[in-house]
ModelCIF file with pLDDT and N, C-alpha, C, O atoms, coordinates in Angstrom:
data_MODEL
#
_entry.id   MODEL 
#
_entity.id                         1 
_entity.type                       polymer 
_entity.pdbx_number_of_molecules   1 
#
_entity_poly.entity_id                      1 
_entity_poly.type                           'polypeptide(L)' 
_entity_poly.nstd_linkage                   no 
_entity_poly.nstd_monomer                   no 
_entity_poly.pdbx_seq_one_letter_code       
;(UNK)(UNK)(UNK)(UNK)(UNK)(UNK)(UNK)(UNK)(UNK)(UNK)(UNK)(UNK)(UNK)(UNK)(UNK)(UNK)
(UNK)(UNK)(UNK)(UNK)(UNK)(UNK)(UNK)(UNK)(UNK)(UNK)(UNK)(UNK)(UNK)(UNK)(UNK)(UNK)
(UNK)(UNK)(UNK)(UNK)(UNK)(UNK)(UNK)(UNK)(UNK)(UNK)(UNK)(UNK)(UNK)(UNK)(UNK)(UNK)
;
_entity_poly.pdbx_seq_one_letter_code_can   XXXXXXXXXXXXXXXXXXXXXXXXXXXXXXXXXXXXXXXXXXXXXXXX 
_entity_poly.pdbx_strand_id                 A 
#
loop_
_entity_poly_seq.entity_id 
_entity_poly_seq.num 
_entity_poly_seq.mon_id 
_entity_poly_seq.hetero 
1 1  UNK n 
1 2  UNK n 
1 3  UNK n 
1 4  UNK n 
1 5  UNK n 
1 6  UNK n 
1 7  UNK n 
1 8  UNK n 
1 9  UNK n 
1 10 UNK n 
1 11 UNK n 
1 12 UNK n 
1 13 UNK n 
1 14 UNK n 
1 15 UNK n 
1 16 UNK n 
1 17 UNK n 
1 18 UNK n 
1 19 UNK n 
1 20 UNK n 
1 21 UNK n 
1 22 UNK n 
1 23 UNK n 
1 24 UNK n 
1 25 UNK n 
1 26 UNK n 
1 27 UNK n 
1 28 UNK n 
1 29 UNK n 
1 30 UNK n 
1 31 UNK n 
1 32 UNK n 
1 33 UNK n 
1 34 UNK n 
1 35 UNK n 
1 36 UNK n 
1 37 UNK n 
1 38 UNK n 
1 39 UNK n 
1 40 UNK n 
1 41 UNK n 
1 42 UNK n 
1 43 UNK n 
1 44 UNK n 
1 45 UNK n 
1 46 UNK n 
1 47 UNK n 
1 48 UNK n 
#
_struct_asym.id          A 
_struct_asym.entity_id   1 
#
loop_
_ma_qa_metric.id 
_ma_qa_metric.mode 
_ma_qa_metric.name 
_ma_qa_metric.software_group_id 
_ma_qa_metric.type 
1 global pLDDT . pLDDT 
2 local  pLDDT . pLDDT 
#
_ma_qa_metric_global.metric_id      1 
_ma_qa_metric_global.metric_value   87.83 
_ma_qa_metric_global.model_id       1 
_ma_qa_metric_global.ordinal_id     1 
#
loop_
_ma_qa_metric_local.label_asym_id 
_ma_qa_metric_local.label_comp_id 
_ma_qa_metric_local.label_seq_id 
_ma_qa_metric_local.metric_id 
_ma_qa_metric_local.metric_value 
_ma_qa_metric_local.model_id 
_ma_qa_metric_local.ordinal_id 
A UNK 1  2 57.00 1 1  
A UNK 2  2 66.00 1 2  
A UNK 3  2 77.00 1 3  
A UNK 4  2 79.00 1 4  
A UNK 5  2 82.00 1 5  
A UNK 6  2 87.00 1 6  
A UNK 7  2 90.00 1 7  
A UNK 8  2 93.00 1 8  
A UNK 9  2 96.00 1 9  
A UNK 10 2 97.00 1 10 
A UNK 11 2 98.00 1 11 
A UNK 12 2 97.00 1 12 
A UNK 13 2 97.00 1 13 
A UNK 14 2 96.00 1 14 
A UNK 15 2 95.00 1 15 
A UNK 16 2 92.00 1 16 
A UNK 17 2 86.00 1 17 
A UNK 18 2 83.00 1 18 
A UNK 19 2 82.00 1 19 
A UNK 20 2 85.00 1 20 
A UNK 21 2 91.00 1 21 
A UNK 22 2 94.00 1 22 
A UNK 23 2 96.00 1 23 
A UNK 24 2 96.00 1 24 
A UNK 25 2 97.00 1 25 
A UNK 26 2 97.00 1 26 
A UNK 27 2 97.00 1 27 
A UNK 28 2 97.00 1 28 
A UNK 29 2 96.00 1 29 
A UNK 30 2 93.00 1 30 
A UNK 31 2 90.00 1 31 
A UNK 32 2 87.00 1 32 
A UNK 33 2 83.00 1 33 
A UNK 34 2 78.00 1 34 
A UNK 35 2 73.00 1 35 
A UNK 36 2 74.00 1 36 
A UNK 37 2 76.00 1 37 
A UNK 38 2 74.00 1 38 
A UNK 39 2 75.00 1 39 
A UNK 40 2 78.00 1 40 
A UNK 41 2 80.00 1 41 
A UNK 42 2 88.00 1 42 
A UNK 43 2 92.00 1 43 
A UNK 44 2 93.00 1 44 
A UNK 45 2 96.00 1 45 
A UNK 46 2 96.00 1 46 
A UNK 47 2 97.00 1 47 
A UNK 48 2 97.00 1 48 
#
loop_
_atom_site.group_PDB 
_atom_site.id 
_atom_site.type_symbol 
_atom_site.label_atom_id 
_atom_site.label_alt_id 
_atom_site.label_comp_id 
_atom_site.label_asym_id 
_atom_site.label_entity_id 
_atom_site.label_seq_id 
_atom_site.pdbx_PDB_ins_code 
_atom_site.Cartn_x 
_atom_site.Cartn_y 
_atom_site.Cartn_z 
_atom_site.occupancy 
_atom_site.B_iso_or_equiv 
_atom_site.pdbx_formal_charge 
_atom_site.auth_seq_id 
_atom_site.auth_comp_id 
_atom_site.auth_asym_id 
_atom_site.auth_atom_id 
_atom_site.pdbx_PDB_model_num 
ATOM 1   N N  . UNK A 1 1  ? -1.687 18.719  0.022   1.00 57.00 ? 1  UNK A N  1 
ATOM 2   C CA . UNK A 1 1  ? -1.655 20.073  -0.425  1.00 57.00 ? 1  UNK A CA 1 
ATOM 3   C C  . UNK A 1 1  ? -2.294 20.216  -1.794  1.00 57.00 ? 1  UNK A C  1 
ATOM 4   O O  . UNK A 1 1  ? -2.914 19.279  -2.297  1.00 57.00 ? 1  UNK A O  1 
ATOM 5   N N  . UNK A 1 2  ? -2.146 21.370  -2.386  1.00 66.00 ? 2  UNK A N  1 
ATOM 6   C CA . UNK A 1 2  ? -2.749 21.624  -3.688  1.00 66.00 ? 2  UNK A CA 1 
ATOM 7   C C  . UNK A 1 2  ? -1.910 21.081  -4.836  1.00 66.00 ? 2  UNK A C  1 
ATOM 8   O O  . UNK A 1 2  ? -2.434 20.900  -5.935  1.00 66.00 ? 2  UNK A O  1 
ATOM 9   N N  . UNK A 1 3  ? -0.618 20.813  -4.615  1.00 77.00 ? 3  UNK A N  1 
ATOM 10  C CA . UNK A 1 3  ? 0.238  20.327  -5.695  1.00 77.00 ? 3  UNK A CA 1 
ATOM 11  C C  . UNK A 1 3  ? 0.263  18.811  -5.804  1.00 77.00 ? 3  UNK A C  1 
ATOM 12  O O  . UNK A 1 3  ? 0.470  18.276  -6.893  1.00 77.00 ? 3  UNK A O  1 
ATOM 13  N N  . UNK A 1 4  ? 0.057  18.115  -4.702  1.00 79.00 ? 4  UNK A N  1 
ATOM 14  C CA . UNK A 1 4  ? 0.091  16.657  -4.724  1.00 79.00 ? 4  UNK A CA 1 
ATOM 15  C C  . UNK A 1 4  ? -1.019 16.106  -3.840  1.00 79.00 ? 4  UNK A C  1 
ATOM 16  O O  . UNK A 1 4  ? -1.365 16.675  -2.805  1.00 79.00 ? 4  UNK A O  1 
ATOM 17  N N  . UNK A 1 5  ? -1.561 14.985  -4.283  1.00 82.00 ? 5  UNK A N  1 
ATOM 18  C CA . UNK A 1 5  ? -2.638 14.328  -3.544  1.00 82.00 ? 5  UNK A CA 1 
ATOM 19  C C  . UNK A 1 5  ? -2.365 12.840  -3.585  1.00 82.00 ? 5  UNK A C  1 
ATOM 20  O O  . UNK A 1 5  ? -1.932 12.329  -4.618  1.00 82.00 ? 5  UNK A O  1 
ATOM 21  N N  . UNK A 1 6  ? -2.602 12.131  -2.498  1.00 87.00 ? 6  UNK A N  1 
ATOM 22  C CA . UNK A 1 6  ? -2.338 10.705  -2.514  1.00 87.00 ? 6  UNK A CA 1 
ATOM 23  C C  . UNK A 1 6  ? -2.996 9.979   -1.359  1.00 87.00 ? 6  UNK A C  1 
ATOM 24  O O  . UNK A 1 6  ? -3.553 10.583  -0.442  1.00 87.00 ? 6  UNK A O  1 
ATOM 25  N N  . UNK A 1 7  ? -2.912 8.662   -1.438  1.00 90.00 ? 7  UNK A N  1 
ATOM 26  C CA . UNK A 1 7  ? -3.467 7.806   -0.388  1.00 90.00 ? 7  UNK A CA 1 
ATOM 27  C C  . UNK A 1 7  ? -2.598 6.562   -0.267  1.00 90.00 ? 7  UNK A C  1 
ATOM 28  O O  . UNK A 1 7  ? -2.041 6.077   -1.252  1.00 90.00 ? 7  UNK A O  1 
ATOM 29  N N  . UNK A 1 8  ? -2.494 6.062   0.945   1.00 93.00 ? 8  UNK A N  1 
ATOM 30  C CA . UNK A 1 8  ? -1.733 4.849   1.224   1.00 93.00 ? 8  UNK A CA 1 
ATOM 31  C C  . UNK A 1 8  ? -2.597 3.940   2.082   1.00 93.00 ? 8  UNK A C  1 
ATOM 32  O O  . UNK A 1 8  ? -3.090 4.337   3.138   1.00 93.00 ? 8  UNK A O  1 
ATOM 33  N N  . UNK A 1 9  ? -2.772 2.706   1.606   1.00 96.00 ? 9  UNK A N  1 
ATOM 34  C CA . UNK A 1 9  ? -3.518 1.702   2.358   1.00 96.00 ? 9  UNK A CA 1 
ATOM 35  C C  . UNK A 1 9  ? -2.647 0.455   2.433   1.00 96.00 ? 9  UNK A C  1 
ATOM 36  O O  . UNK A 1 9  ? -2.103 0.009   1.423   1.00 96.00 ? 9  UNK A O  1 
ATOM 37  N N  . UNK A 1 10 ? -2.518 -0.103  3.624   1.00 97.00 ? 10 UNK A N  1 
ATOM 38  C CA . UNK A 1 10 ? -1.725 -1.327  3.758   1.00 97.00 ? 10 UNK A CA 1 
ATOM 39  C C  . UNK A 1 10 ? -2.258 -2.155  4.916   1.00 97.00 ? 10 UNK A C  1 
ATOM 40  O O  . UNK A 1 10 ? -2.931 -1.651  5.815   1.00 97.00 ? 10 UNK A O  1 
ATOM 41  N N  . UNK A 1 11 ? -1.938 -3.441  4.864   1.00 98.00 ? 11 UNK A N  1 
ATOM 42  C CA . UNK A 1 11 ? -2.354 -4.365  5.913   1.00 98.00 ? 11 UNK A CA 1 
ATOM 43  C C  . UNK A 1 11 ? -1.292 -5.448  6.049   1.00 98.00 ? 11 UNK A C  1 
ATOM 44  O O  . UNK A 1 11 ? -0.608 -5.798  5.087   1.00 98.00 ? 11 UNK A O  1 
ATOM 45  N N  . UNK A 1 12 ? -1.173 -5.962  7.253   1.00 97.00 ? 12 UNK A N  1 
ATOM 46  C CA . UNK A 1 12 ? -0.227 -7.051  7.519   1.00 97.00 ? 12 UNK A CA 1 
ATOM 47  C C  . UNK A 1 12 ? -0.852 -8.005  8.521   1.00 97.00 ? 12 UNK A C  1 
ATOM 48  O O  . UNK A 1 12 ? -1.548 -7.594  9.449   1.00 97.00 ? 12 UNK A O  1 
ATOM 49  N N  . UNK A 1 13 ? -0.589 -9.283  8.315   1.00 97.00 ? 13 UNK A N  1 
ATOM 50  C CA . UNK A 1 13 ? -1.064 -10.321 9.219   1.00 97.00 ? 13 UNK A CA 1 
ATOM 51  C C  . UNK A 1 13 ? 0.097  -11.263 9.488   1.00 97.00 ? 13 UNK A C  1 
ATOM 52  O O  . UNK A 1 13 ? 0.778  -11.701 8.561   1.00 97.00 ? 13 UNK A O  1 
ATOM 53  N N  . UNK A 1 14 ? 0.321  -11.571 10.748  1.00 96.00 ? 14 UNK A N  1 
ATOM 54  C CA . UNK A 1 14 ? 1.374  -12.512 11.127  1.00 96.00 ? 14 UNK A CA 1 
ATOM 55  C C  . UNK A 1 14 ? 0.761  -13.592 12.007  1.00 96.00 ? 14 UNK A C  1 
ATOM 56  O O  . UNK A 1 14 ? 0.000  -13.301 12.930  1.00 96.00 ? 14 UNK A O  1 
ATOM 57  N N  . UNK A 1 15 ? 1.099  -14.836 11.711  1.00 95.00 ? 15 UNK A N  1 
ATOM 58  C CA . UNK A 1 15 ? 0.626  -15.960 12.518  1.00 95.00 ? 15 UNK A CA 1 
ATOM 59  C C  . UNK A 1 15 ? 1.797  -16.869 12.848  1.00 95.00 ? 15 UNK A C  1 
ATOM 60  O O  . UNK A 1 15 ? 2.782  -16.942 12.112  1.00 95.00 ? 15 UNK A O  1 
ATOM 61  N N  . UNK A 1 16 ? 1.667  -17.548 13.951  1.00 92.00 ? 16 UNK A N  1 
ATOM 62  C CA . UNK A 1 16 ? 2.651  -18.542 14.351  1.00 92.00 ? 16 UNK A CA 1 
ATOM 63  C C  . UNK A 1 16 ? 1.862  -19.796 14.742  1.00 92.00 ? 16 UNK A C  1 
ATOM 64  O O  . UNK A 1 16 ? 1.643  -20.064 15.923  1.00 92.00 ? 16 UNK A O  1 
ATOM 65  N N  . UNK A 1 17 ? 1.435  -20.567 13.714  1.00 86.00 ? 17 UNK A N  1 
ATOM 66  C CA . UNK A 1 17 ? 0.523  -21.685 13.973  1.00 86.00 ? 17 UNK A CA 1 
ATOM 67  C C  . UNK A 1 17 ? 1.151  -22.869 14.720  1.00 86.00 ? 17 UNK A C  1 
ATOM 68  O O  . UNK A 1 17 ? 0.457  -23.553 15.473  1.00 86.00 ? 17 UNK A O  1 
ATOM 69  N N  . UNK A 1 18 ? 2.436  -23.116 14.526  1.00 83.00 ? 18 UNK A N  1 
ATOM 70  C CA . UNK A 1 18 ? 3.105  -24.234 15.189  1.00 83.00 ? 18 UNK A CA 1 
ATOM 71  C C  . UNK A 1 18 ? 4.436  -23.763 15.733  1.00 83.00 ? 18 UNK A C  1 
ATOM 72  O O  . UNK A 1 18 ? 5.231  -23.191 14.987  1.00 83.00 ? 18 UNK A O  1 
ATOM 73  N N  . UNK A 1 19 ? 4.693  -23.976 16.962  1.00 82.00 ? 19 UNK A N  1 
ATOM 74  C CA . UNK A 1 19 ? 5.956  -23.703 17.619  1.00 82.00 ? 19 UNK A CA 1 
ATOM 75  C C  . UNK A 1 19 ? 6.905  -22.747 16.932  1.00 82.00 ? 19 UNK A C  1 
ATOM 76  O O  . UNK A 1 19 ? 6.800  -21.533 17.110  1.00 82.00 ? 19 UNK A O  1 
ATOM 77  N N  . UNK A 1 20 ? 7.818  -23.268 16.159  1.00 85.00 ? 20 UNK A N  1 
ATOM 78  C CA . UNK A 1 20 ? 8.881  -22.458 15.550  1.00 85.00 ? 20 UNK A CA 1 
ATOM 79  C C  . UNK A 1 20 ? 8.546  -21.926 14.158  1.00 85.00 ? 20 UNK A C  1 
ATOM 80  O O  . UNK A 1 20 ? 9.368  -21.224 13.570  1.00 85.00 ? 20 UNK A O  1 
ATOM 81  N N  . UNK A 1 21 ? 7.396  -22.227 13.622  1.00 91.00 ? 21 UNK A N  1 
ATOM 82  C CA . UNK A 1 21 ? 7.016  -21.788 12.275  1.00 91.00 ? 21 UNK A CA 1 
ATOM 83  C C  . UNK A 1 21 ? 6.284  -20.450 12.362  1.00 91.00 ? 21 UNK A C  1 
ATOM 84  O O  . UNK A 1 21 ? 5.348  -20.305 13.148  1.00 91.00 ? 21 UNK A O  1 
ATOM 85  N N  . UNK A 1 22 ? 6.706  -19.473 11.560  1.00 94.00 ? 22 UNK A N  1 
ATOM 86  C CA . UNK A 1 22 ? 6.082  -18.151 11.529  1.00 94.00 ? 22 UNK A CA 1 
ATOM 87  C C  . UNK A 1 22 ? 5.802  -17.752 10.093  1.00 94.00 ? 22 UNK A C  1 
ATOM 88  O O  . UNK A 1 22 ? 6.620  -18.004 9.209   1.00 94.00 ? 22 UNK A O  1 
ATOM 89  N N  . UNK A 1 23 ? 4.665  -17.137 9.852   1.00 96.00 ? 23 UNK A N  1 
ATOM 90  C CA . UNK A 1 23 ? 4.305  -16.684 8.512   1.00 96.00 ? 23 UNK A CA 1 
ATOM 91  C C  . UNK A 1 23 ? 3.681  -15.294 8.629   1.00 96.00 ? 23 UNK A C  1 
ATOM 92  O O  . UNK A 1 23 ? 2.853  -15.049 9.507   1.00 96.00 ? 23 UNK A O  1 
ATOM 93  N N  . UNK A 1 24 ? 4.081  -14.394 7.745   1.00 96.00 ? 24 UNK A N  1 
ATOM 94  C CA . UNK A 1 24 ? 3.390  -13.109 7.679   1.00 96.00 ? 24 UNK A CA 1 
ATOM 95  C C  . UNK A 1 24 ? 3.151  -12.719 6.230   1.00 96.00 ? 24 UNK A C  1 
ATOM 96  O O  . UNK A 1 24 ? 3.941  -13.026 5.338   1.00 96.00 ? 24 UNK A O  1 
ATOM 97  N N  . UNK A 1 25 ? 2.042  -12.036 6.029   1.00 97.00 ? 25 UNK A N  1 
ATOM 98  C CA . UNK A 1 25 ? 1.617  -11.594 4.694   1.00 97.00 ? 25 UNK A CA 1 
ATOM 99  C C  . UNK A 1 25 ? 1.327  -10.100 4.785   1.00 97.00 ? 25 UNK A C  1 
ATOM 100 O O  . UNK A 1 25 ? 0.685  -9.637  5.727   1.00 97.00 ? 25 UNK A O  1 
ATOM 101 N N  . UNK A 1 26 ? 1.809  -9.355  3.794   1.00 97.00 ? 26 UNK A N  1 
ATOM 102 C CA . UNK A 1 26 ? 1.553  -7.925  3.723   1.00 97.00 ? 26 UNK A CA 1 
ATOM 103 C C  . UNK A 1 26 ? 0.999  -7.579  2.350   1.00 97.00 ? 26 UNK A C  1 
ATOM 104 O O  . UNK A 1 26 ? 1.311  -8.241  1.361   1.00 97.00 ? 26 UNK A O  1 
ATOM 105 N N  . UNK A 1 27 ? 0.189  -6.556  2.297   1.00 97.00 ? 27 UNK A N  1 
ATOM 106 C CA . UNK A 1 27 ? -0.357 -6.091  1.019   1.00 97.00 ? 27 UNK A CA 1 
ATOM 107 C C  . UNK A 1 27 ? -0.671 -4.608  1.152   1.00 97.00 ? 27 UNK A C  1 
ATOM 108 O O  . UNK A 1 27 ? -0.916 -4.106  2.249   1.00 97.00 ? 27 UNK A O  1 
ATOM 109 N N  . UNK A 1 28 ? -0.661 -3.925  0.032   1.00 97.00 ? 28 UNK A N  1 
ATOM 110 C CA . UNK A 1 28 ? -0.974 -2.512  0.093   1.00 97.00 ? 28 UNK A CA 1 
ATOM 111 C C  . UNK A 1 28 ? -1.133 -1.882  -1.272  1.00 97.00 ? 28 UNK A C  1 
ATOM 112 O O  . UNK A 1 28 ? -0.912 -2.503  -2.311  1.00 97.00 ? 28 UNK A O  1 
ATOM 113 N N  . UNK A 1 29 ? -1.526 -0.624  -1.224  1.00 96.00 ? 29 UNK A N  1 
ATOM 114 C CA . UNK A 1 29 ? -1.743 0.162   -2.436  1.00 96.00 ? 29 UNK A CA 1 
ATOM 115 C C  . UNK A 1 29 ? -1.425 1.617   -2.117  1.00 96.00 ? 29 UNK A C  1 
ATOM 116 O O  . UNK A 1 29 ? -1.820 2.140   -1.075  1.00 96.00 ? 29 UNK A O  1 
ATOM 117 N N  . UNK A 1 30 ? -0.715 2.250   -3.020  1.00 93.00 ? 30 UNK A N  1 
ATOM 118 C CA . UNK A 1 30 ? -0.415 3.672   -2.890  1.00 93.00 ? 30 UNK A CA 1 
ATOM 119 C C  . UNK A 1 30 ? -0.802 4.370   -4.180  1.00 93.00 ? 30 UNK A C  1 
ATOM 120 O O  . UNK A 1 30 ? -0.450 3.911   -5.267  1.00 93.00 ? 30 UNK A O  1 
ATOM 121 N N  . UNK A 1 31 ? -1.524 5.477   -4.068  1.00 90.00 ? 31 UNK A N  1 
ATOM 122 C CA . UNK A 1 31 ? -1.861 6.249   -5.269  1.00 90.00 ? 31 UNK A CA 1 
ATOM 123 C C  . UNK A 1 31 ? -1.395 7.681   -5.060  1.00 90.00 ? 31 UNK A C  1 
ATOM 124 O O  . UNK A 1 31 ? -1.607 8.279   -4.004  1.00 90.00 ? 31 UNK A O  1 
ATOM 125 N N  . UNK A 1 32 ? -0.762 8.208   -6.081  1.00 87.00 ? 32 UNK A N  1 
ATOM 126 C CA . UNK A 1 32 ? -0.238 9.568   -6.067  1.00 87.00 ? 32 UNK A CA 1 
ATOM 127 C C  . UNK A 1 32 ? -0.788 10.321  -7.267  1.00 87.00 ? 32 UNK A C  1 
ATOM 128 O O  . UNK A 1 32 ? -0.812 9.798   -8.381  1.00 87.00 ? 32 UNK A O  1 
ATOM 129 N N  . UNK A 1 33 ? -1.219 11.521  -7.039  1.00 83.00 ? 33 UNK A N  1 
ATOM 130 C CA . UNK A 1 33 ? -1.719 12.338  -8.139  1.00 83.00 ? 33 UNK A CA 1 
ATOM 131 C C  . UNK A 1 33 ? -1.267 13.785  -7.991  1.00 83.00 ? 33 UNK A C  1 
ATOM 132 O O  . UNK A 1 33 ? -0.890 14.232  -6.908  1.00 83.00 ? 33 UNK A O  1 
ATOM 133 N N  . UNK A 1 34 ? -1.315 14.490  -9.090  1.00 78.00 ? 34 UNK A N  1 
ATOM 134 C CA . UNK A 1 34 ? -0.987 15.914  -9.106  1.00 78.00 ? 34 UNK A CA 1 
ATOM 135 C C  . UNK A 1 34 ? -2.174 16.639  -9.746  1.00 78.00 ? 34 UNK A C  1 
ATOM 136 O O  . UNK A 1 34 ? -2.257 16.761  -10.968 1.00 78.00 ? 34 UNK A O  1 
ATOM 137 N N  . UNK A 1 35 ? -3.084 17.115  -8.902  1.00 73.00 ? 35 UNK A N  1 
ATOM 138 C CA . UNK A 1 35 ? -4.317 17.741  -9.422  1.00 73.00 ? 35 UNK A CA 1 
ATOM 139 C C  . UNK A 1 35 ? -4.071 18.903  -10.375 1.00 73.00 ? 35 UNK A C  1 
ATOM 140 O O  . UNK A 1 35 ? -4.856 19.108  -11.301 1.00 73.00 ? 35 UNK A O  1 
ATOM 141 N N  . UNK A 1 36 ? -3.014 19.659  -10.176 1.00 74.00 ? 36 UNK A N  1 
ATOM 142 C CA . UNK A 1 36 ? -2.756 20.812  -11.045 1.00 74.00 ? 36 UNK A CA 1 
ATOM 143 C C  . UNK A 1 36 ? -2.326 20.391  -12.447 1.00 74.00 ? 36 UNK A C  1 
ATOM 144 O O  . UNK A 1 36 ? -2.539 21.136  -13.404 1.00 74.00 ? 36 UNK A O  1 
ATOM 145 N N  . UNK A 1 37 ? -1.721 19.207  -12.586 1.00 76.00 ? 37 UNK A N  1 
ATOM 146 C CA . UNK A 1 37 ? -1.305 18.700  -13.900 1.00 76.00 ? 37 UNK A CA 1 
ATOM 147 C C  . UNK A 1 37 ? -2.469 18.117  -14.687 1.00 76.00 ? 37 UNK A C  1 
ATOM 148 O O  . UNK A 1 37 ? -2.409 18.038  -15.914 1.00 76.00 ? 37 UNK A O  1 
ATOM 149 N N  . UNK A 1 38 ? -3.527 17.710  -13.995 1.00 74.00 ? 38 UNK A N  1 
ATOM 150 C CA . UNK A 1 38 ? -4.673 17.113  -14.668 1.00 74.00 ? 38 UNK A CA 1 
ATOM 151 C C  . UNK A 1 38 ? -4.438 15.666  -15.075 1.00 74.00 ? 38 UNK A C  1 
ATOM 152 O O  . UNK A 1 38 ? -5.273 15.081  -15.765 1.00 74.00 ? 38 UNK A O  1 
ATOM 153 N N  . UNK A 1 39 ? -3.324 15.077  -14.666 1.00 75.00 ? 39 UNK A N  1 
ATOM 154 C CA . UNK A 1 39 ? -3.027 13.682  -15.014 1.00 75.00 ? 39 UNK A CA 1 
ATOM 155 C C  . UNK A 1 39 ? -3.753 12.735  -14.054 1.00 75.00 ? 39 UNK A C  1 
ATOM 156 O O  . UNK A 1 39 ? -4.056 13.091  -12.915 1.00 75.00 ? 39 UNK A O  1 
ATOM 157 N N  . UNK A 1 40 ? -4.016 11.547  -14.533 1.00 78.00 ? 40 UNK A N  1 
ATOM 158 C CA . UNK A 1 40 ? -4.656 10.527  -13.697 1.00 78.00 ? 40 UNK A CA 1 
ATOM 159 C C  . UNK A 1 40 ? -3.688 10.093  -12.597 1.00 78.00 ? 40 UNK A C  1 
ATOM 160 O O  . UNK A 1 40 ? -2.476 10.082  -12.814 1.00 78.00 ? 40 UNK A O  1 
ATOM 161 N N  . UNK A 1 41 ? -4.203 9.738   -11.427 1.00 80.00 ? 41 UNK A N  1 
ATOM 162 C CA . UNK A 1 41 ? -3.331 9.269   -10.345 1.00 80.00 ? 41 UNK A CA 1 
ATOM 163 C C  . UNK A 1 41 ? -2.565 8.008   -10.747 1.00 80.00 ? 41 UNK A C  1 
ATOM 164 O O  . UNK A 1 41 ? -3.079 7.174   -11.491 1.00 80.00 ? 41 UNK A O  1 
ATOM 165 N N  . UNK A 1 42 ? -1.356 7.878   -10.258 1.00 88.00 ? 42 UNK A N  1 
ATOM 166 C CA . UNK A 1 42 ? -0.518 6.703   -10.493 1.00 88.00 ? 42 UNK A CA 1 
ATOM 167 C C  . UNK A 1 42 ? -0.679 5.786   -9.285  1.00 88.00 ? 42 UNK A C  1 
ATOM 168 O O  . UNK A 1 42 ? -0.556 6.227   -8.142  1.00 88.00 ? 42 UNK A O  1 
ATOM 169 N N  . UNK A 1 43 ? -0.955 4.504   -9.542  1.00 92.00 ? 43 UNK A N  1 
ATOM 170 C CA . UNK A 1 43 ? -1.197 3.551   -8.461  1.00 92.00 ? 43 UNK A CA 1 
ATOM 171 C C  . UNK A 1 43 ? -0.128 2.474   -8.447  1.00 92.00 ? 43 UNK A C  1 
ATOM 172 O O  . UNK A 1 43 ? 0.268  1.963   -9.494  1.00 92.00 ? 43 UNK A O  1 
ATOM 173 N N  . UNK A 1 44 ? 0.332  2.137   -7.262  1.00 93.00 ? 44 UNK A N  1 
ATOM 174 C CA . UNK A 1 44 ? 1.311  1.080   -7.040  1.00 93.00 ? 44 UNK A CA 1 
ATOM 175 C C  . UNK A 1 44 ? 0.699  0.096   -6.047  1.00 93.00 ? 44 UNK A C  1 
ATOM 176 O O  . UNK A 1 44 ? 0.233  0.493   -4.979  1.00 93.00 ? 44 UNK A O  1 
ATOM 177 N N  . UNK A 1 45 ? 0.702  -1.199  -6.406  1.00 96.00 ? 45 UNK A N  1 
ATOM 178 C CA . UNK A 1 45 ? 0.162  -2.243  -5.522  1.00 96.00 ? 45 UNK A CA 1 
ATOM 179 C C  . UNK A 1 45 ? 1.245  -3.257  -5.222  1.00 96.00 ? 45 UNK A C  1 
ATOM 180 O O  . UNK A 1 45 ? 2.084  -3.550  -6.074  1.00 96.00 ? 45 UNK A O  1 
ATOM 181 N N  . UNK A 1 46 ? 1.231  -3.796  -4.006  1.00 96.00 ? 46 UNK A N  1 
ATOM 182 C CA . UNK A 1 46 ? 2.214  -4.809  -3.645  1.00 96.00 ? 46 UNK A CA 1 
ATOM 183 C C  . UNK A 1 46 ? 1.604  -5.852  -2.729  1.00 96.00 ? 46 UNK A C  1 
ATOM 184 O O  . UNK A 1 46 ? 0.603  -5.617  -2.051  1.00 96.00 ? 46 UNK A O  1 
ATOM 185 N N  . UNK A 1 47 ? 2.242  -7.014  -2.732  1.00 97.00 ? 47 UNK A N  1 
ATOM 186 C CA . UNK A 1 47 ? 1.901  -8.106  -1.824  1.00 97.00 ? 47 UNK A CA 1 
ATOM 187 C C  . UNK A 1 47 ? 3.201  -8.841  -1.506  1.00 97.00 ? 47 UNK A C  1 
ATOM 188 O O  . UNK A 1 47 ? 4.058  -8.998  -2.376  1.00 97.00 ? 47 UNK A O  1 
ATOM 189 N N  . UNK A 1 48 ? 3.342  -9.281  -0.284  1.00 97.00 ? 48 UNK A N  1 
ATOM 190 C CA . UNK A 1 48 ? 4.548  -9.984  0.118   1.00 97.00 ? 48 UNK A CA 1 
ATOM 191 C C  . UNK A 1 48 ? 4.221  -11.057 1.144   1.00 97.00 ? 48 UNK A C  1 
ATOM 192 O O  . UNK A 1 48 ? 5.117  -11.762 1.607   1.00 97.00 ? 48 UNK A O  1 
#
């Protein structure tokens, strides 16, 4: 809308290379902005 603007990007990968062993990795970025305030967008990044 006109009061808030944002974007969300994320990705996840899961592998099970050997029998009972499992590994997954996630990462992403979220940016939120308020165009009417004129402030720069706030960005949050994560990895797990």
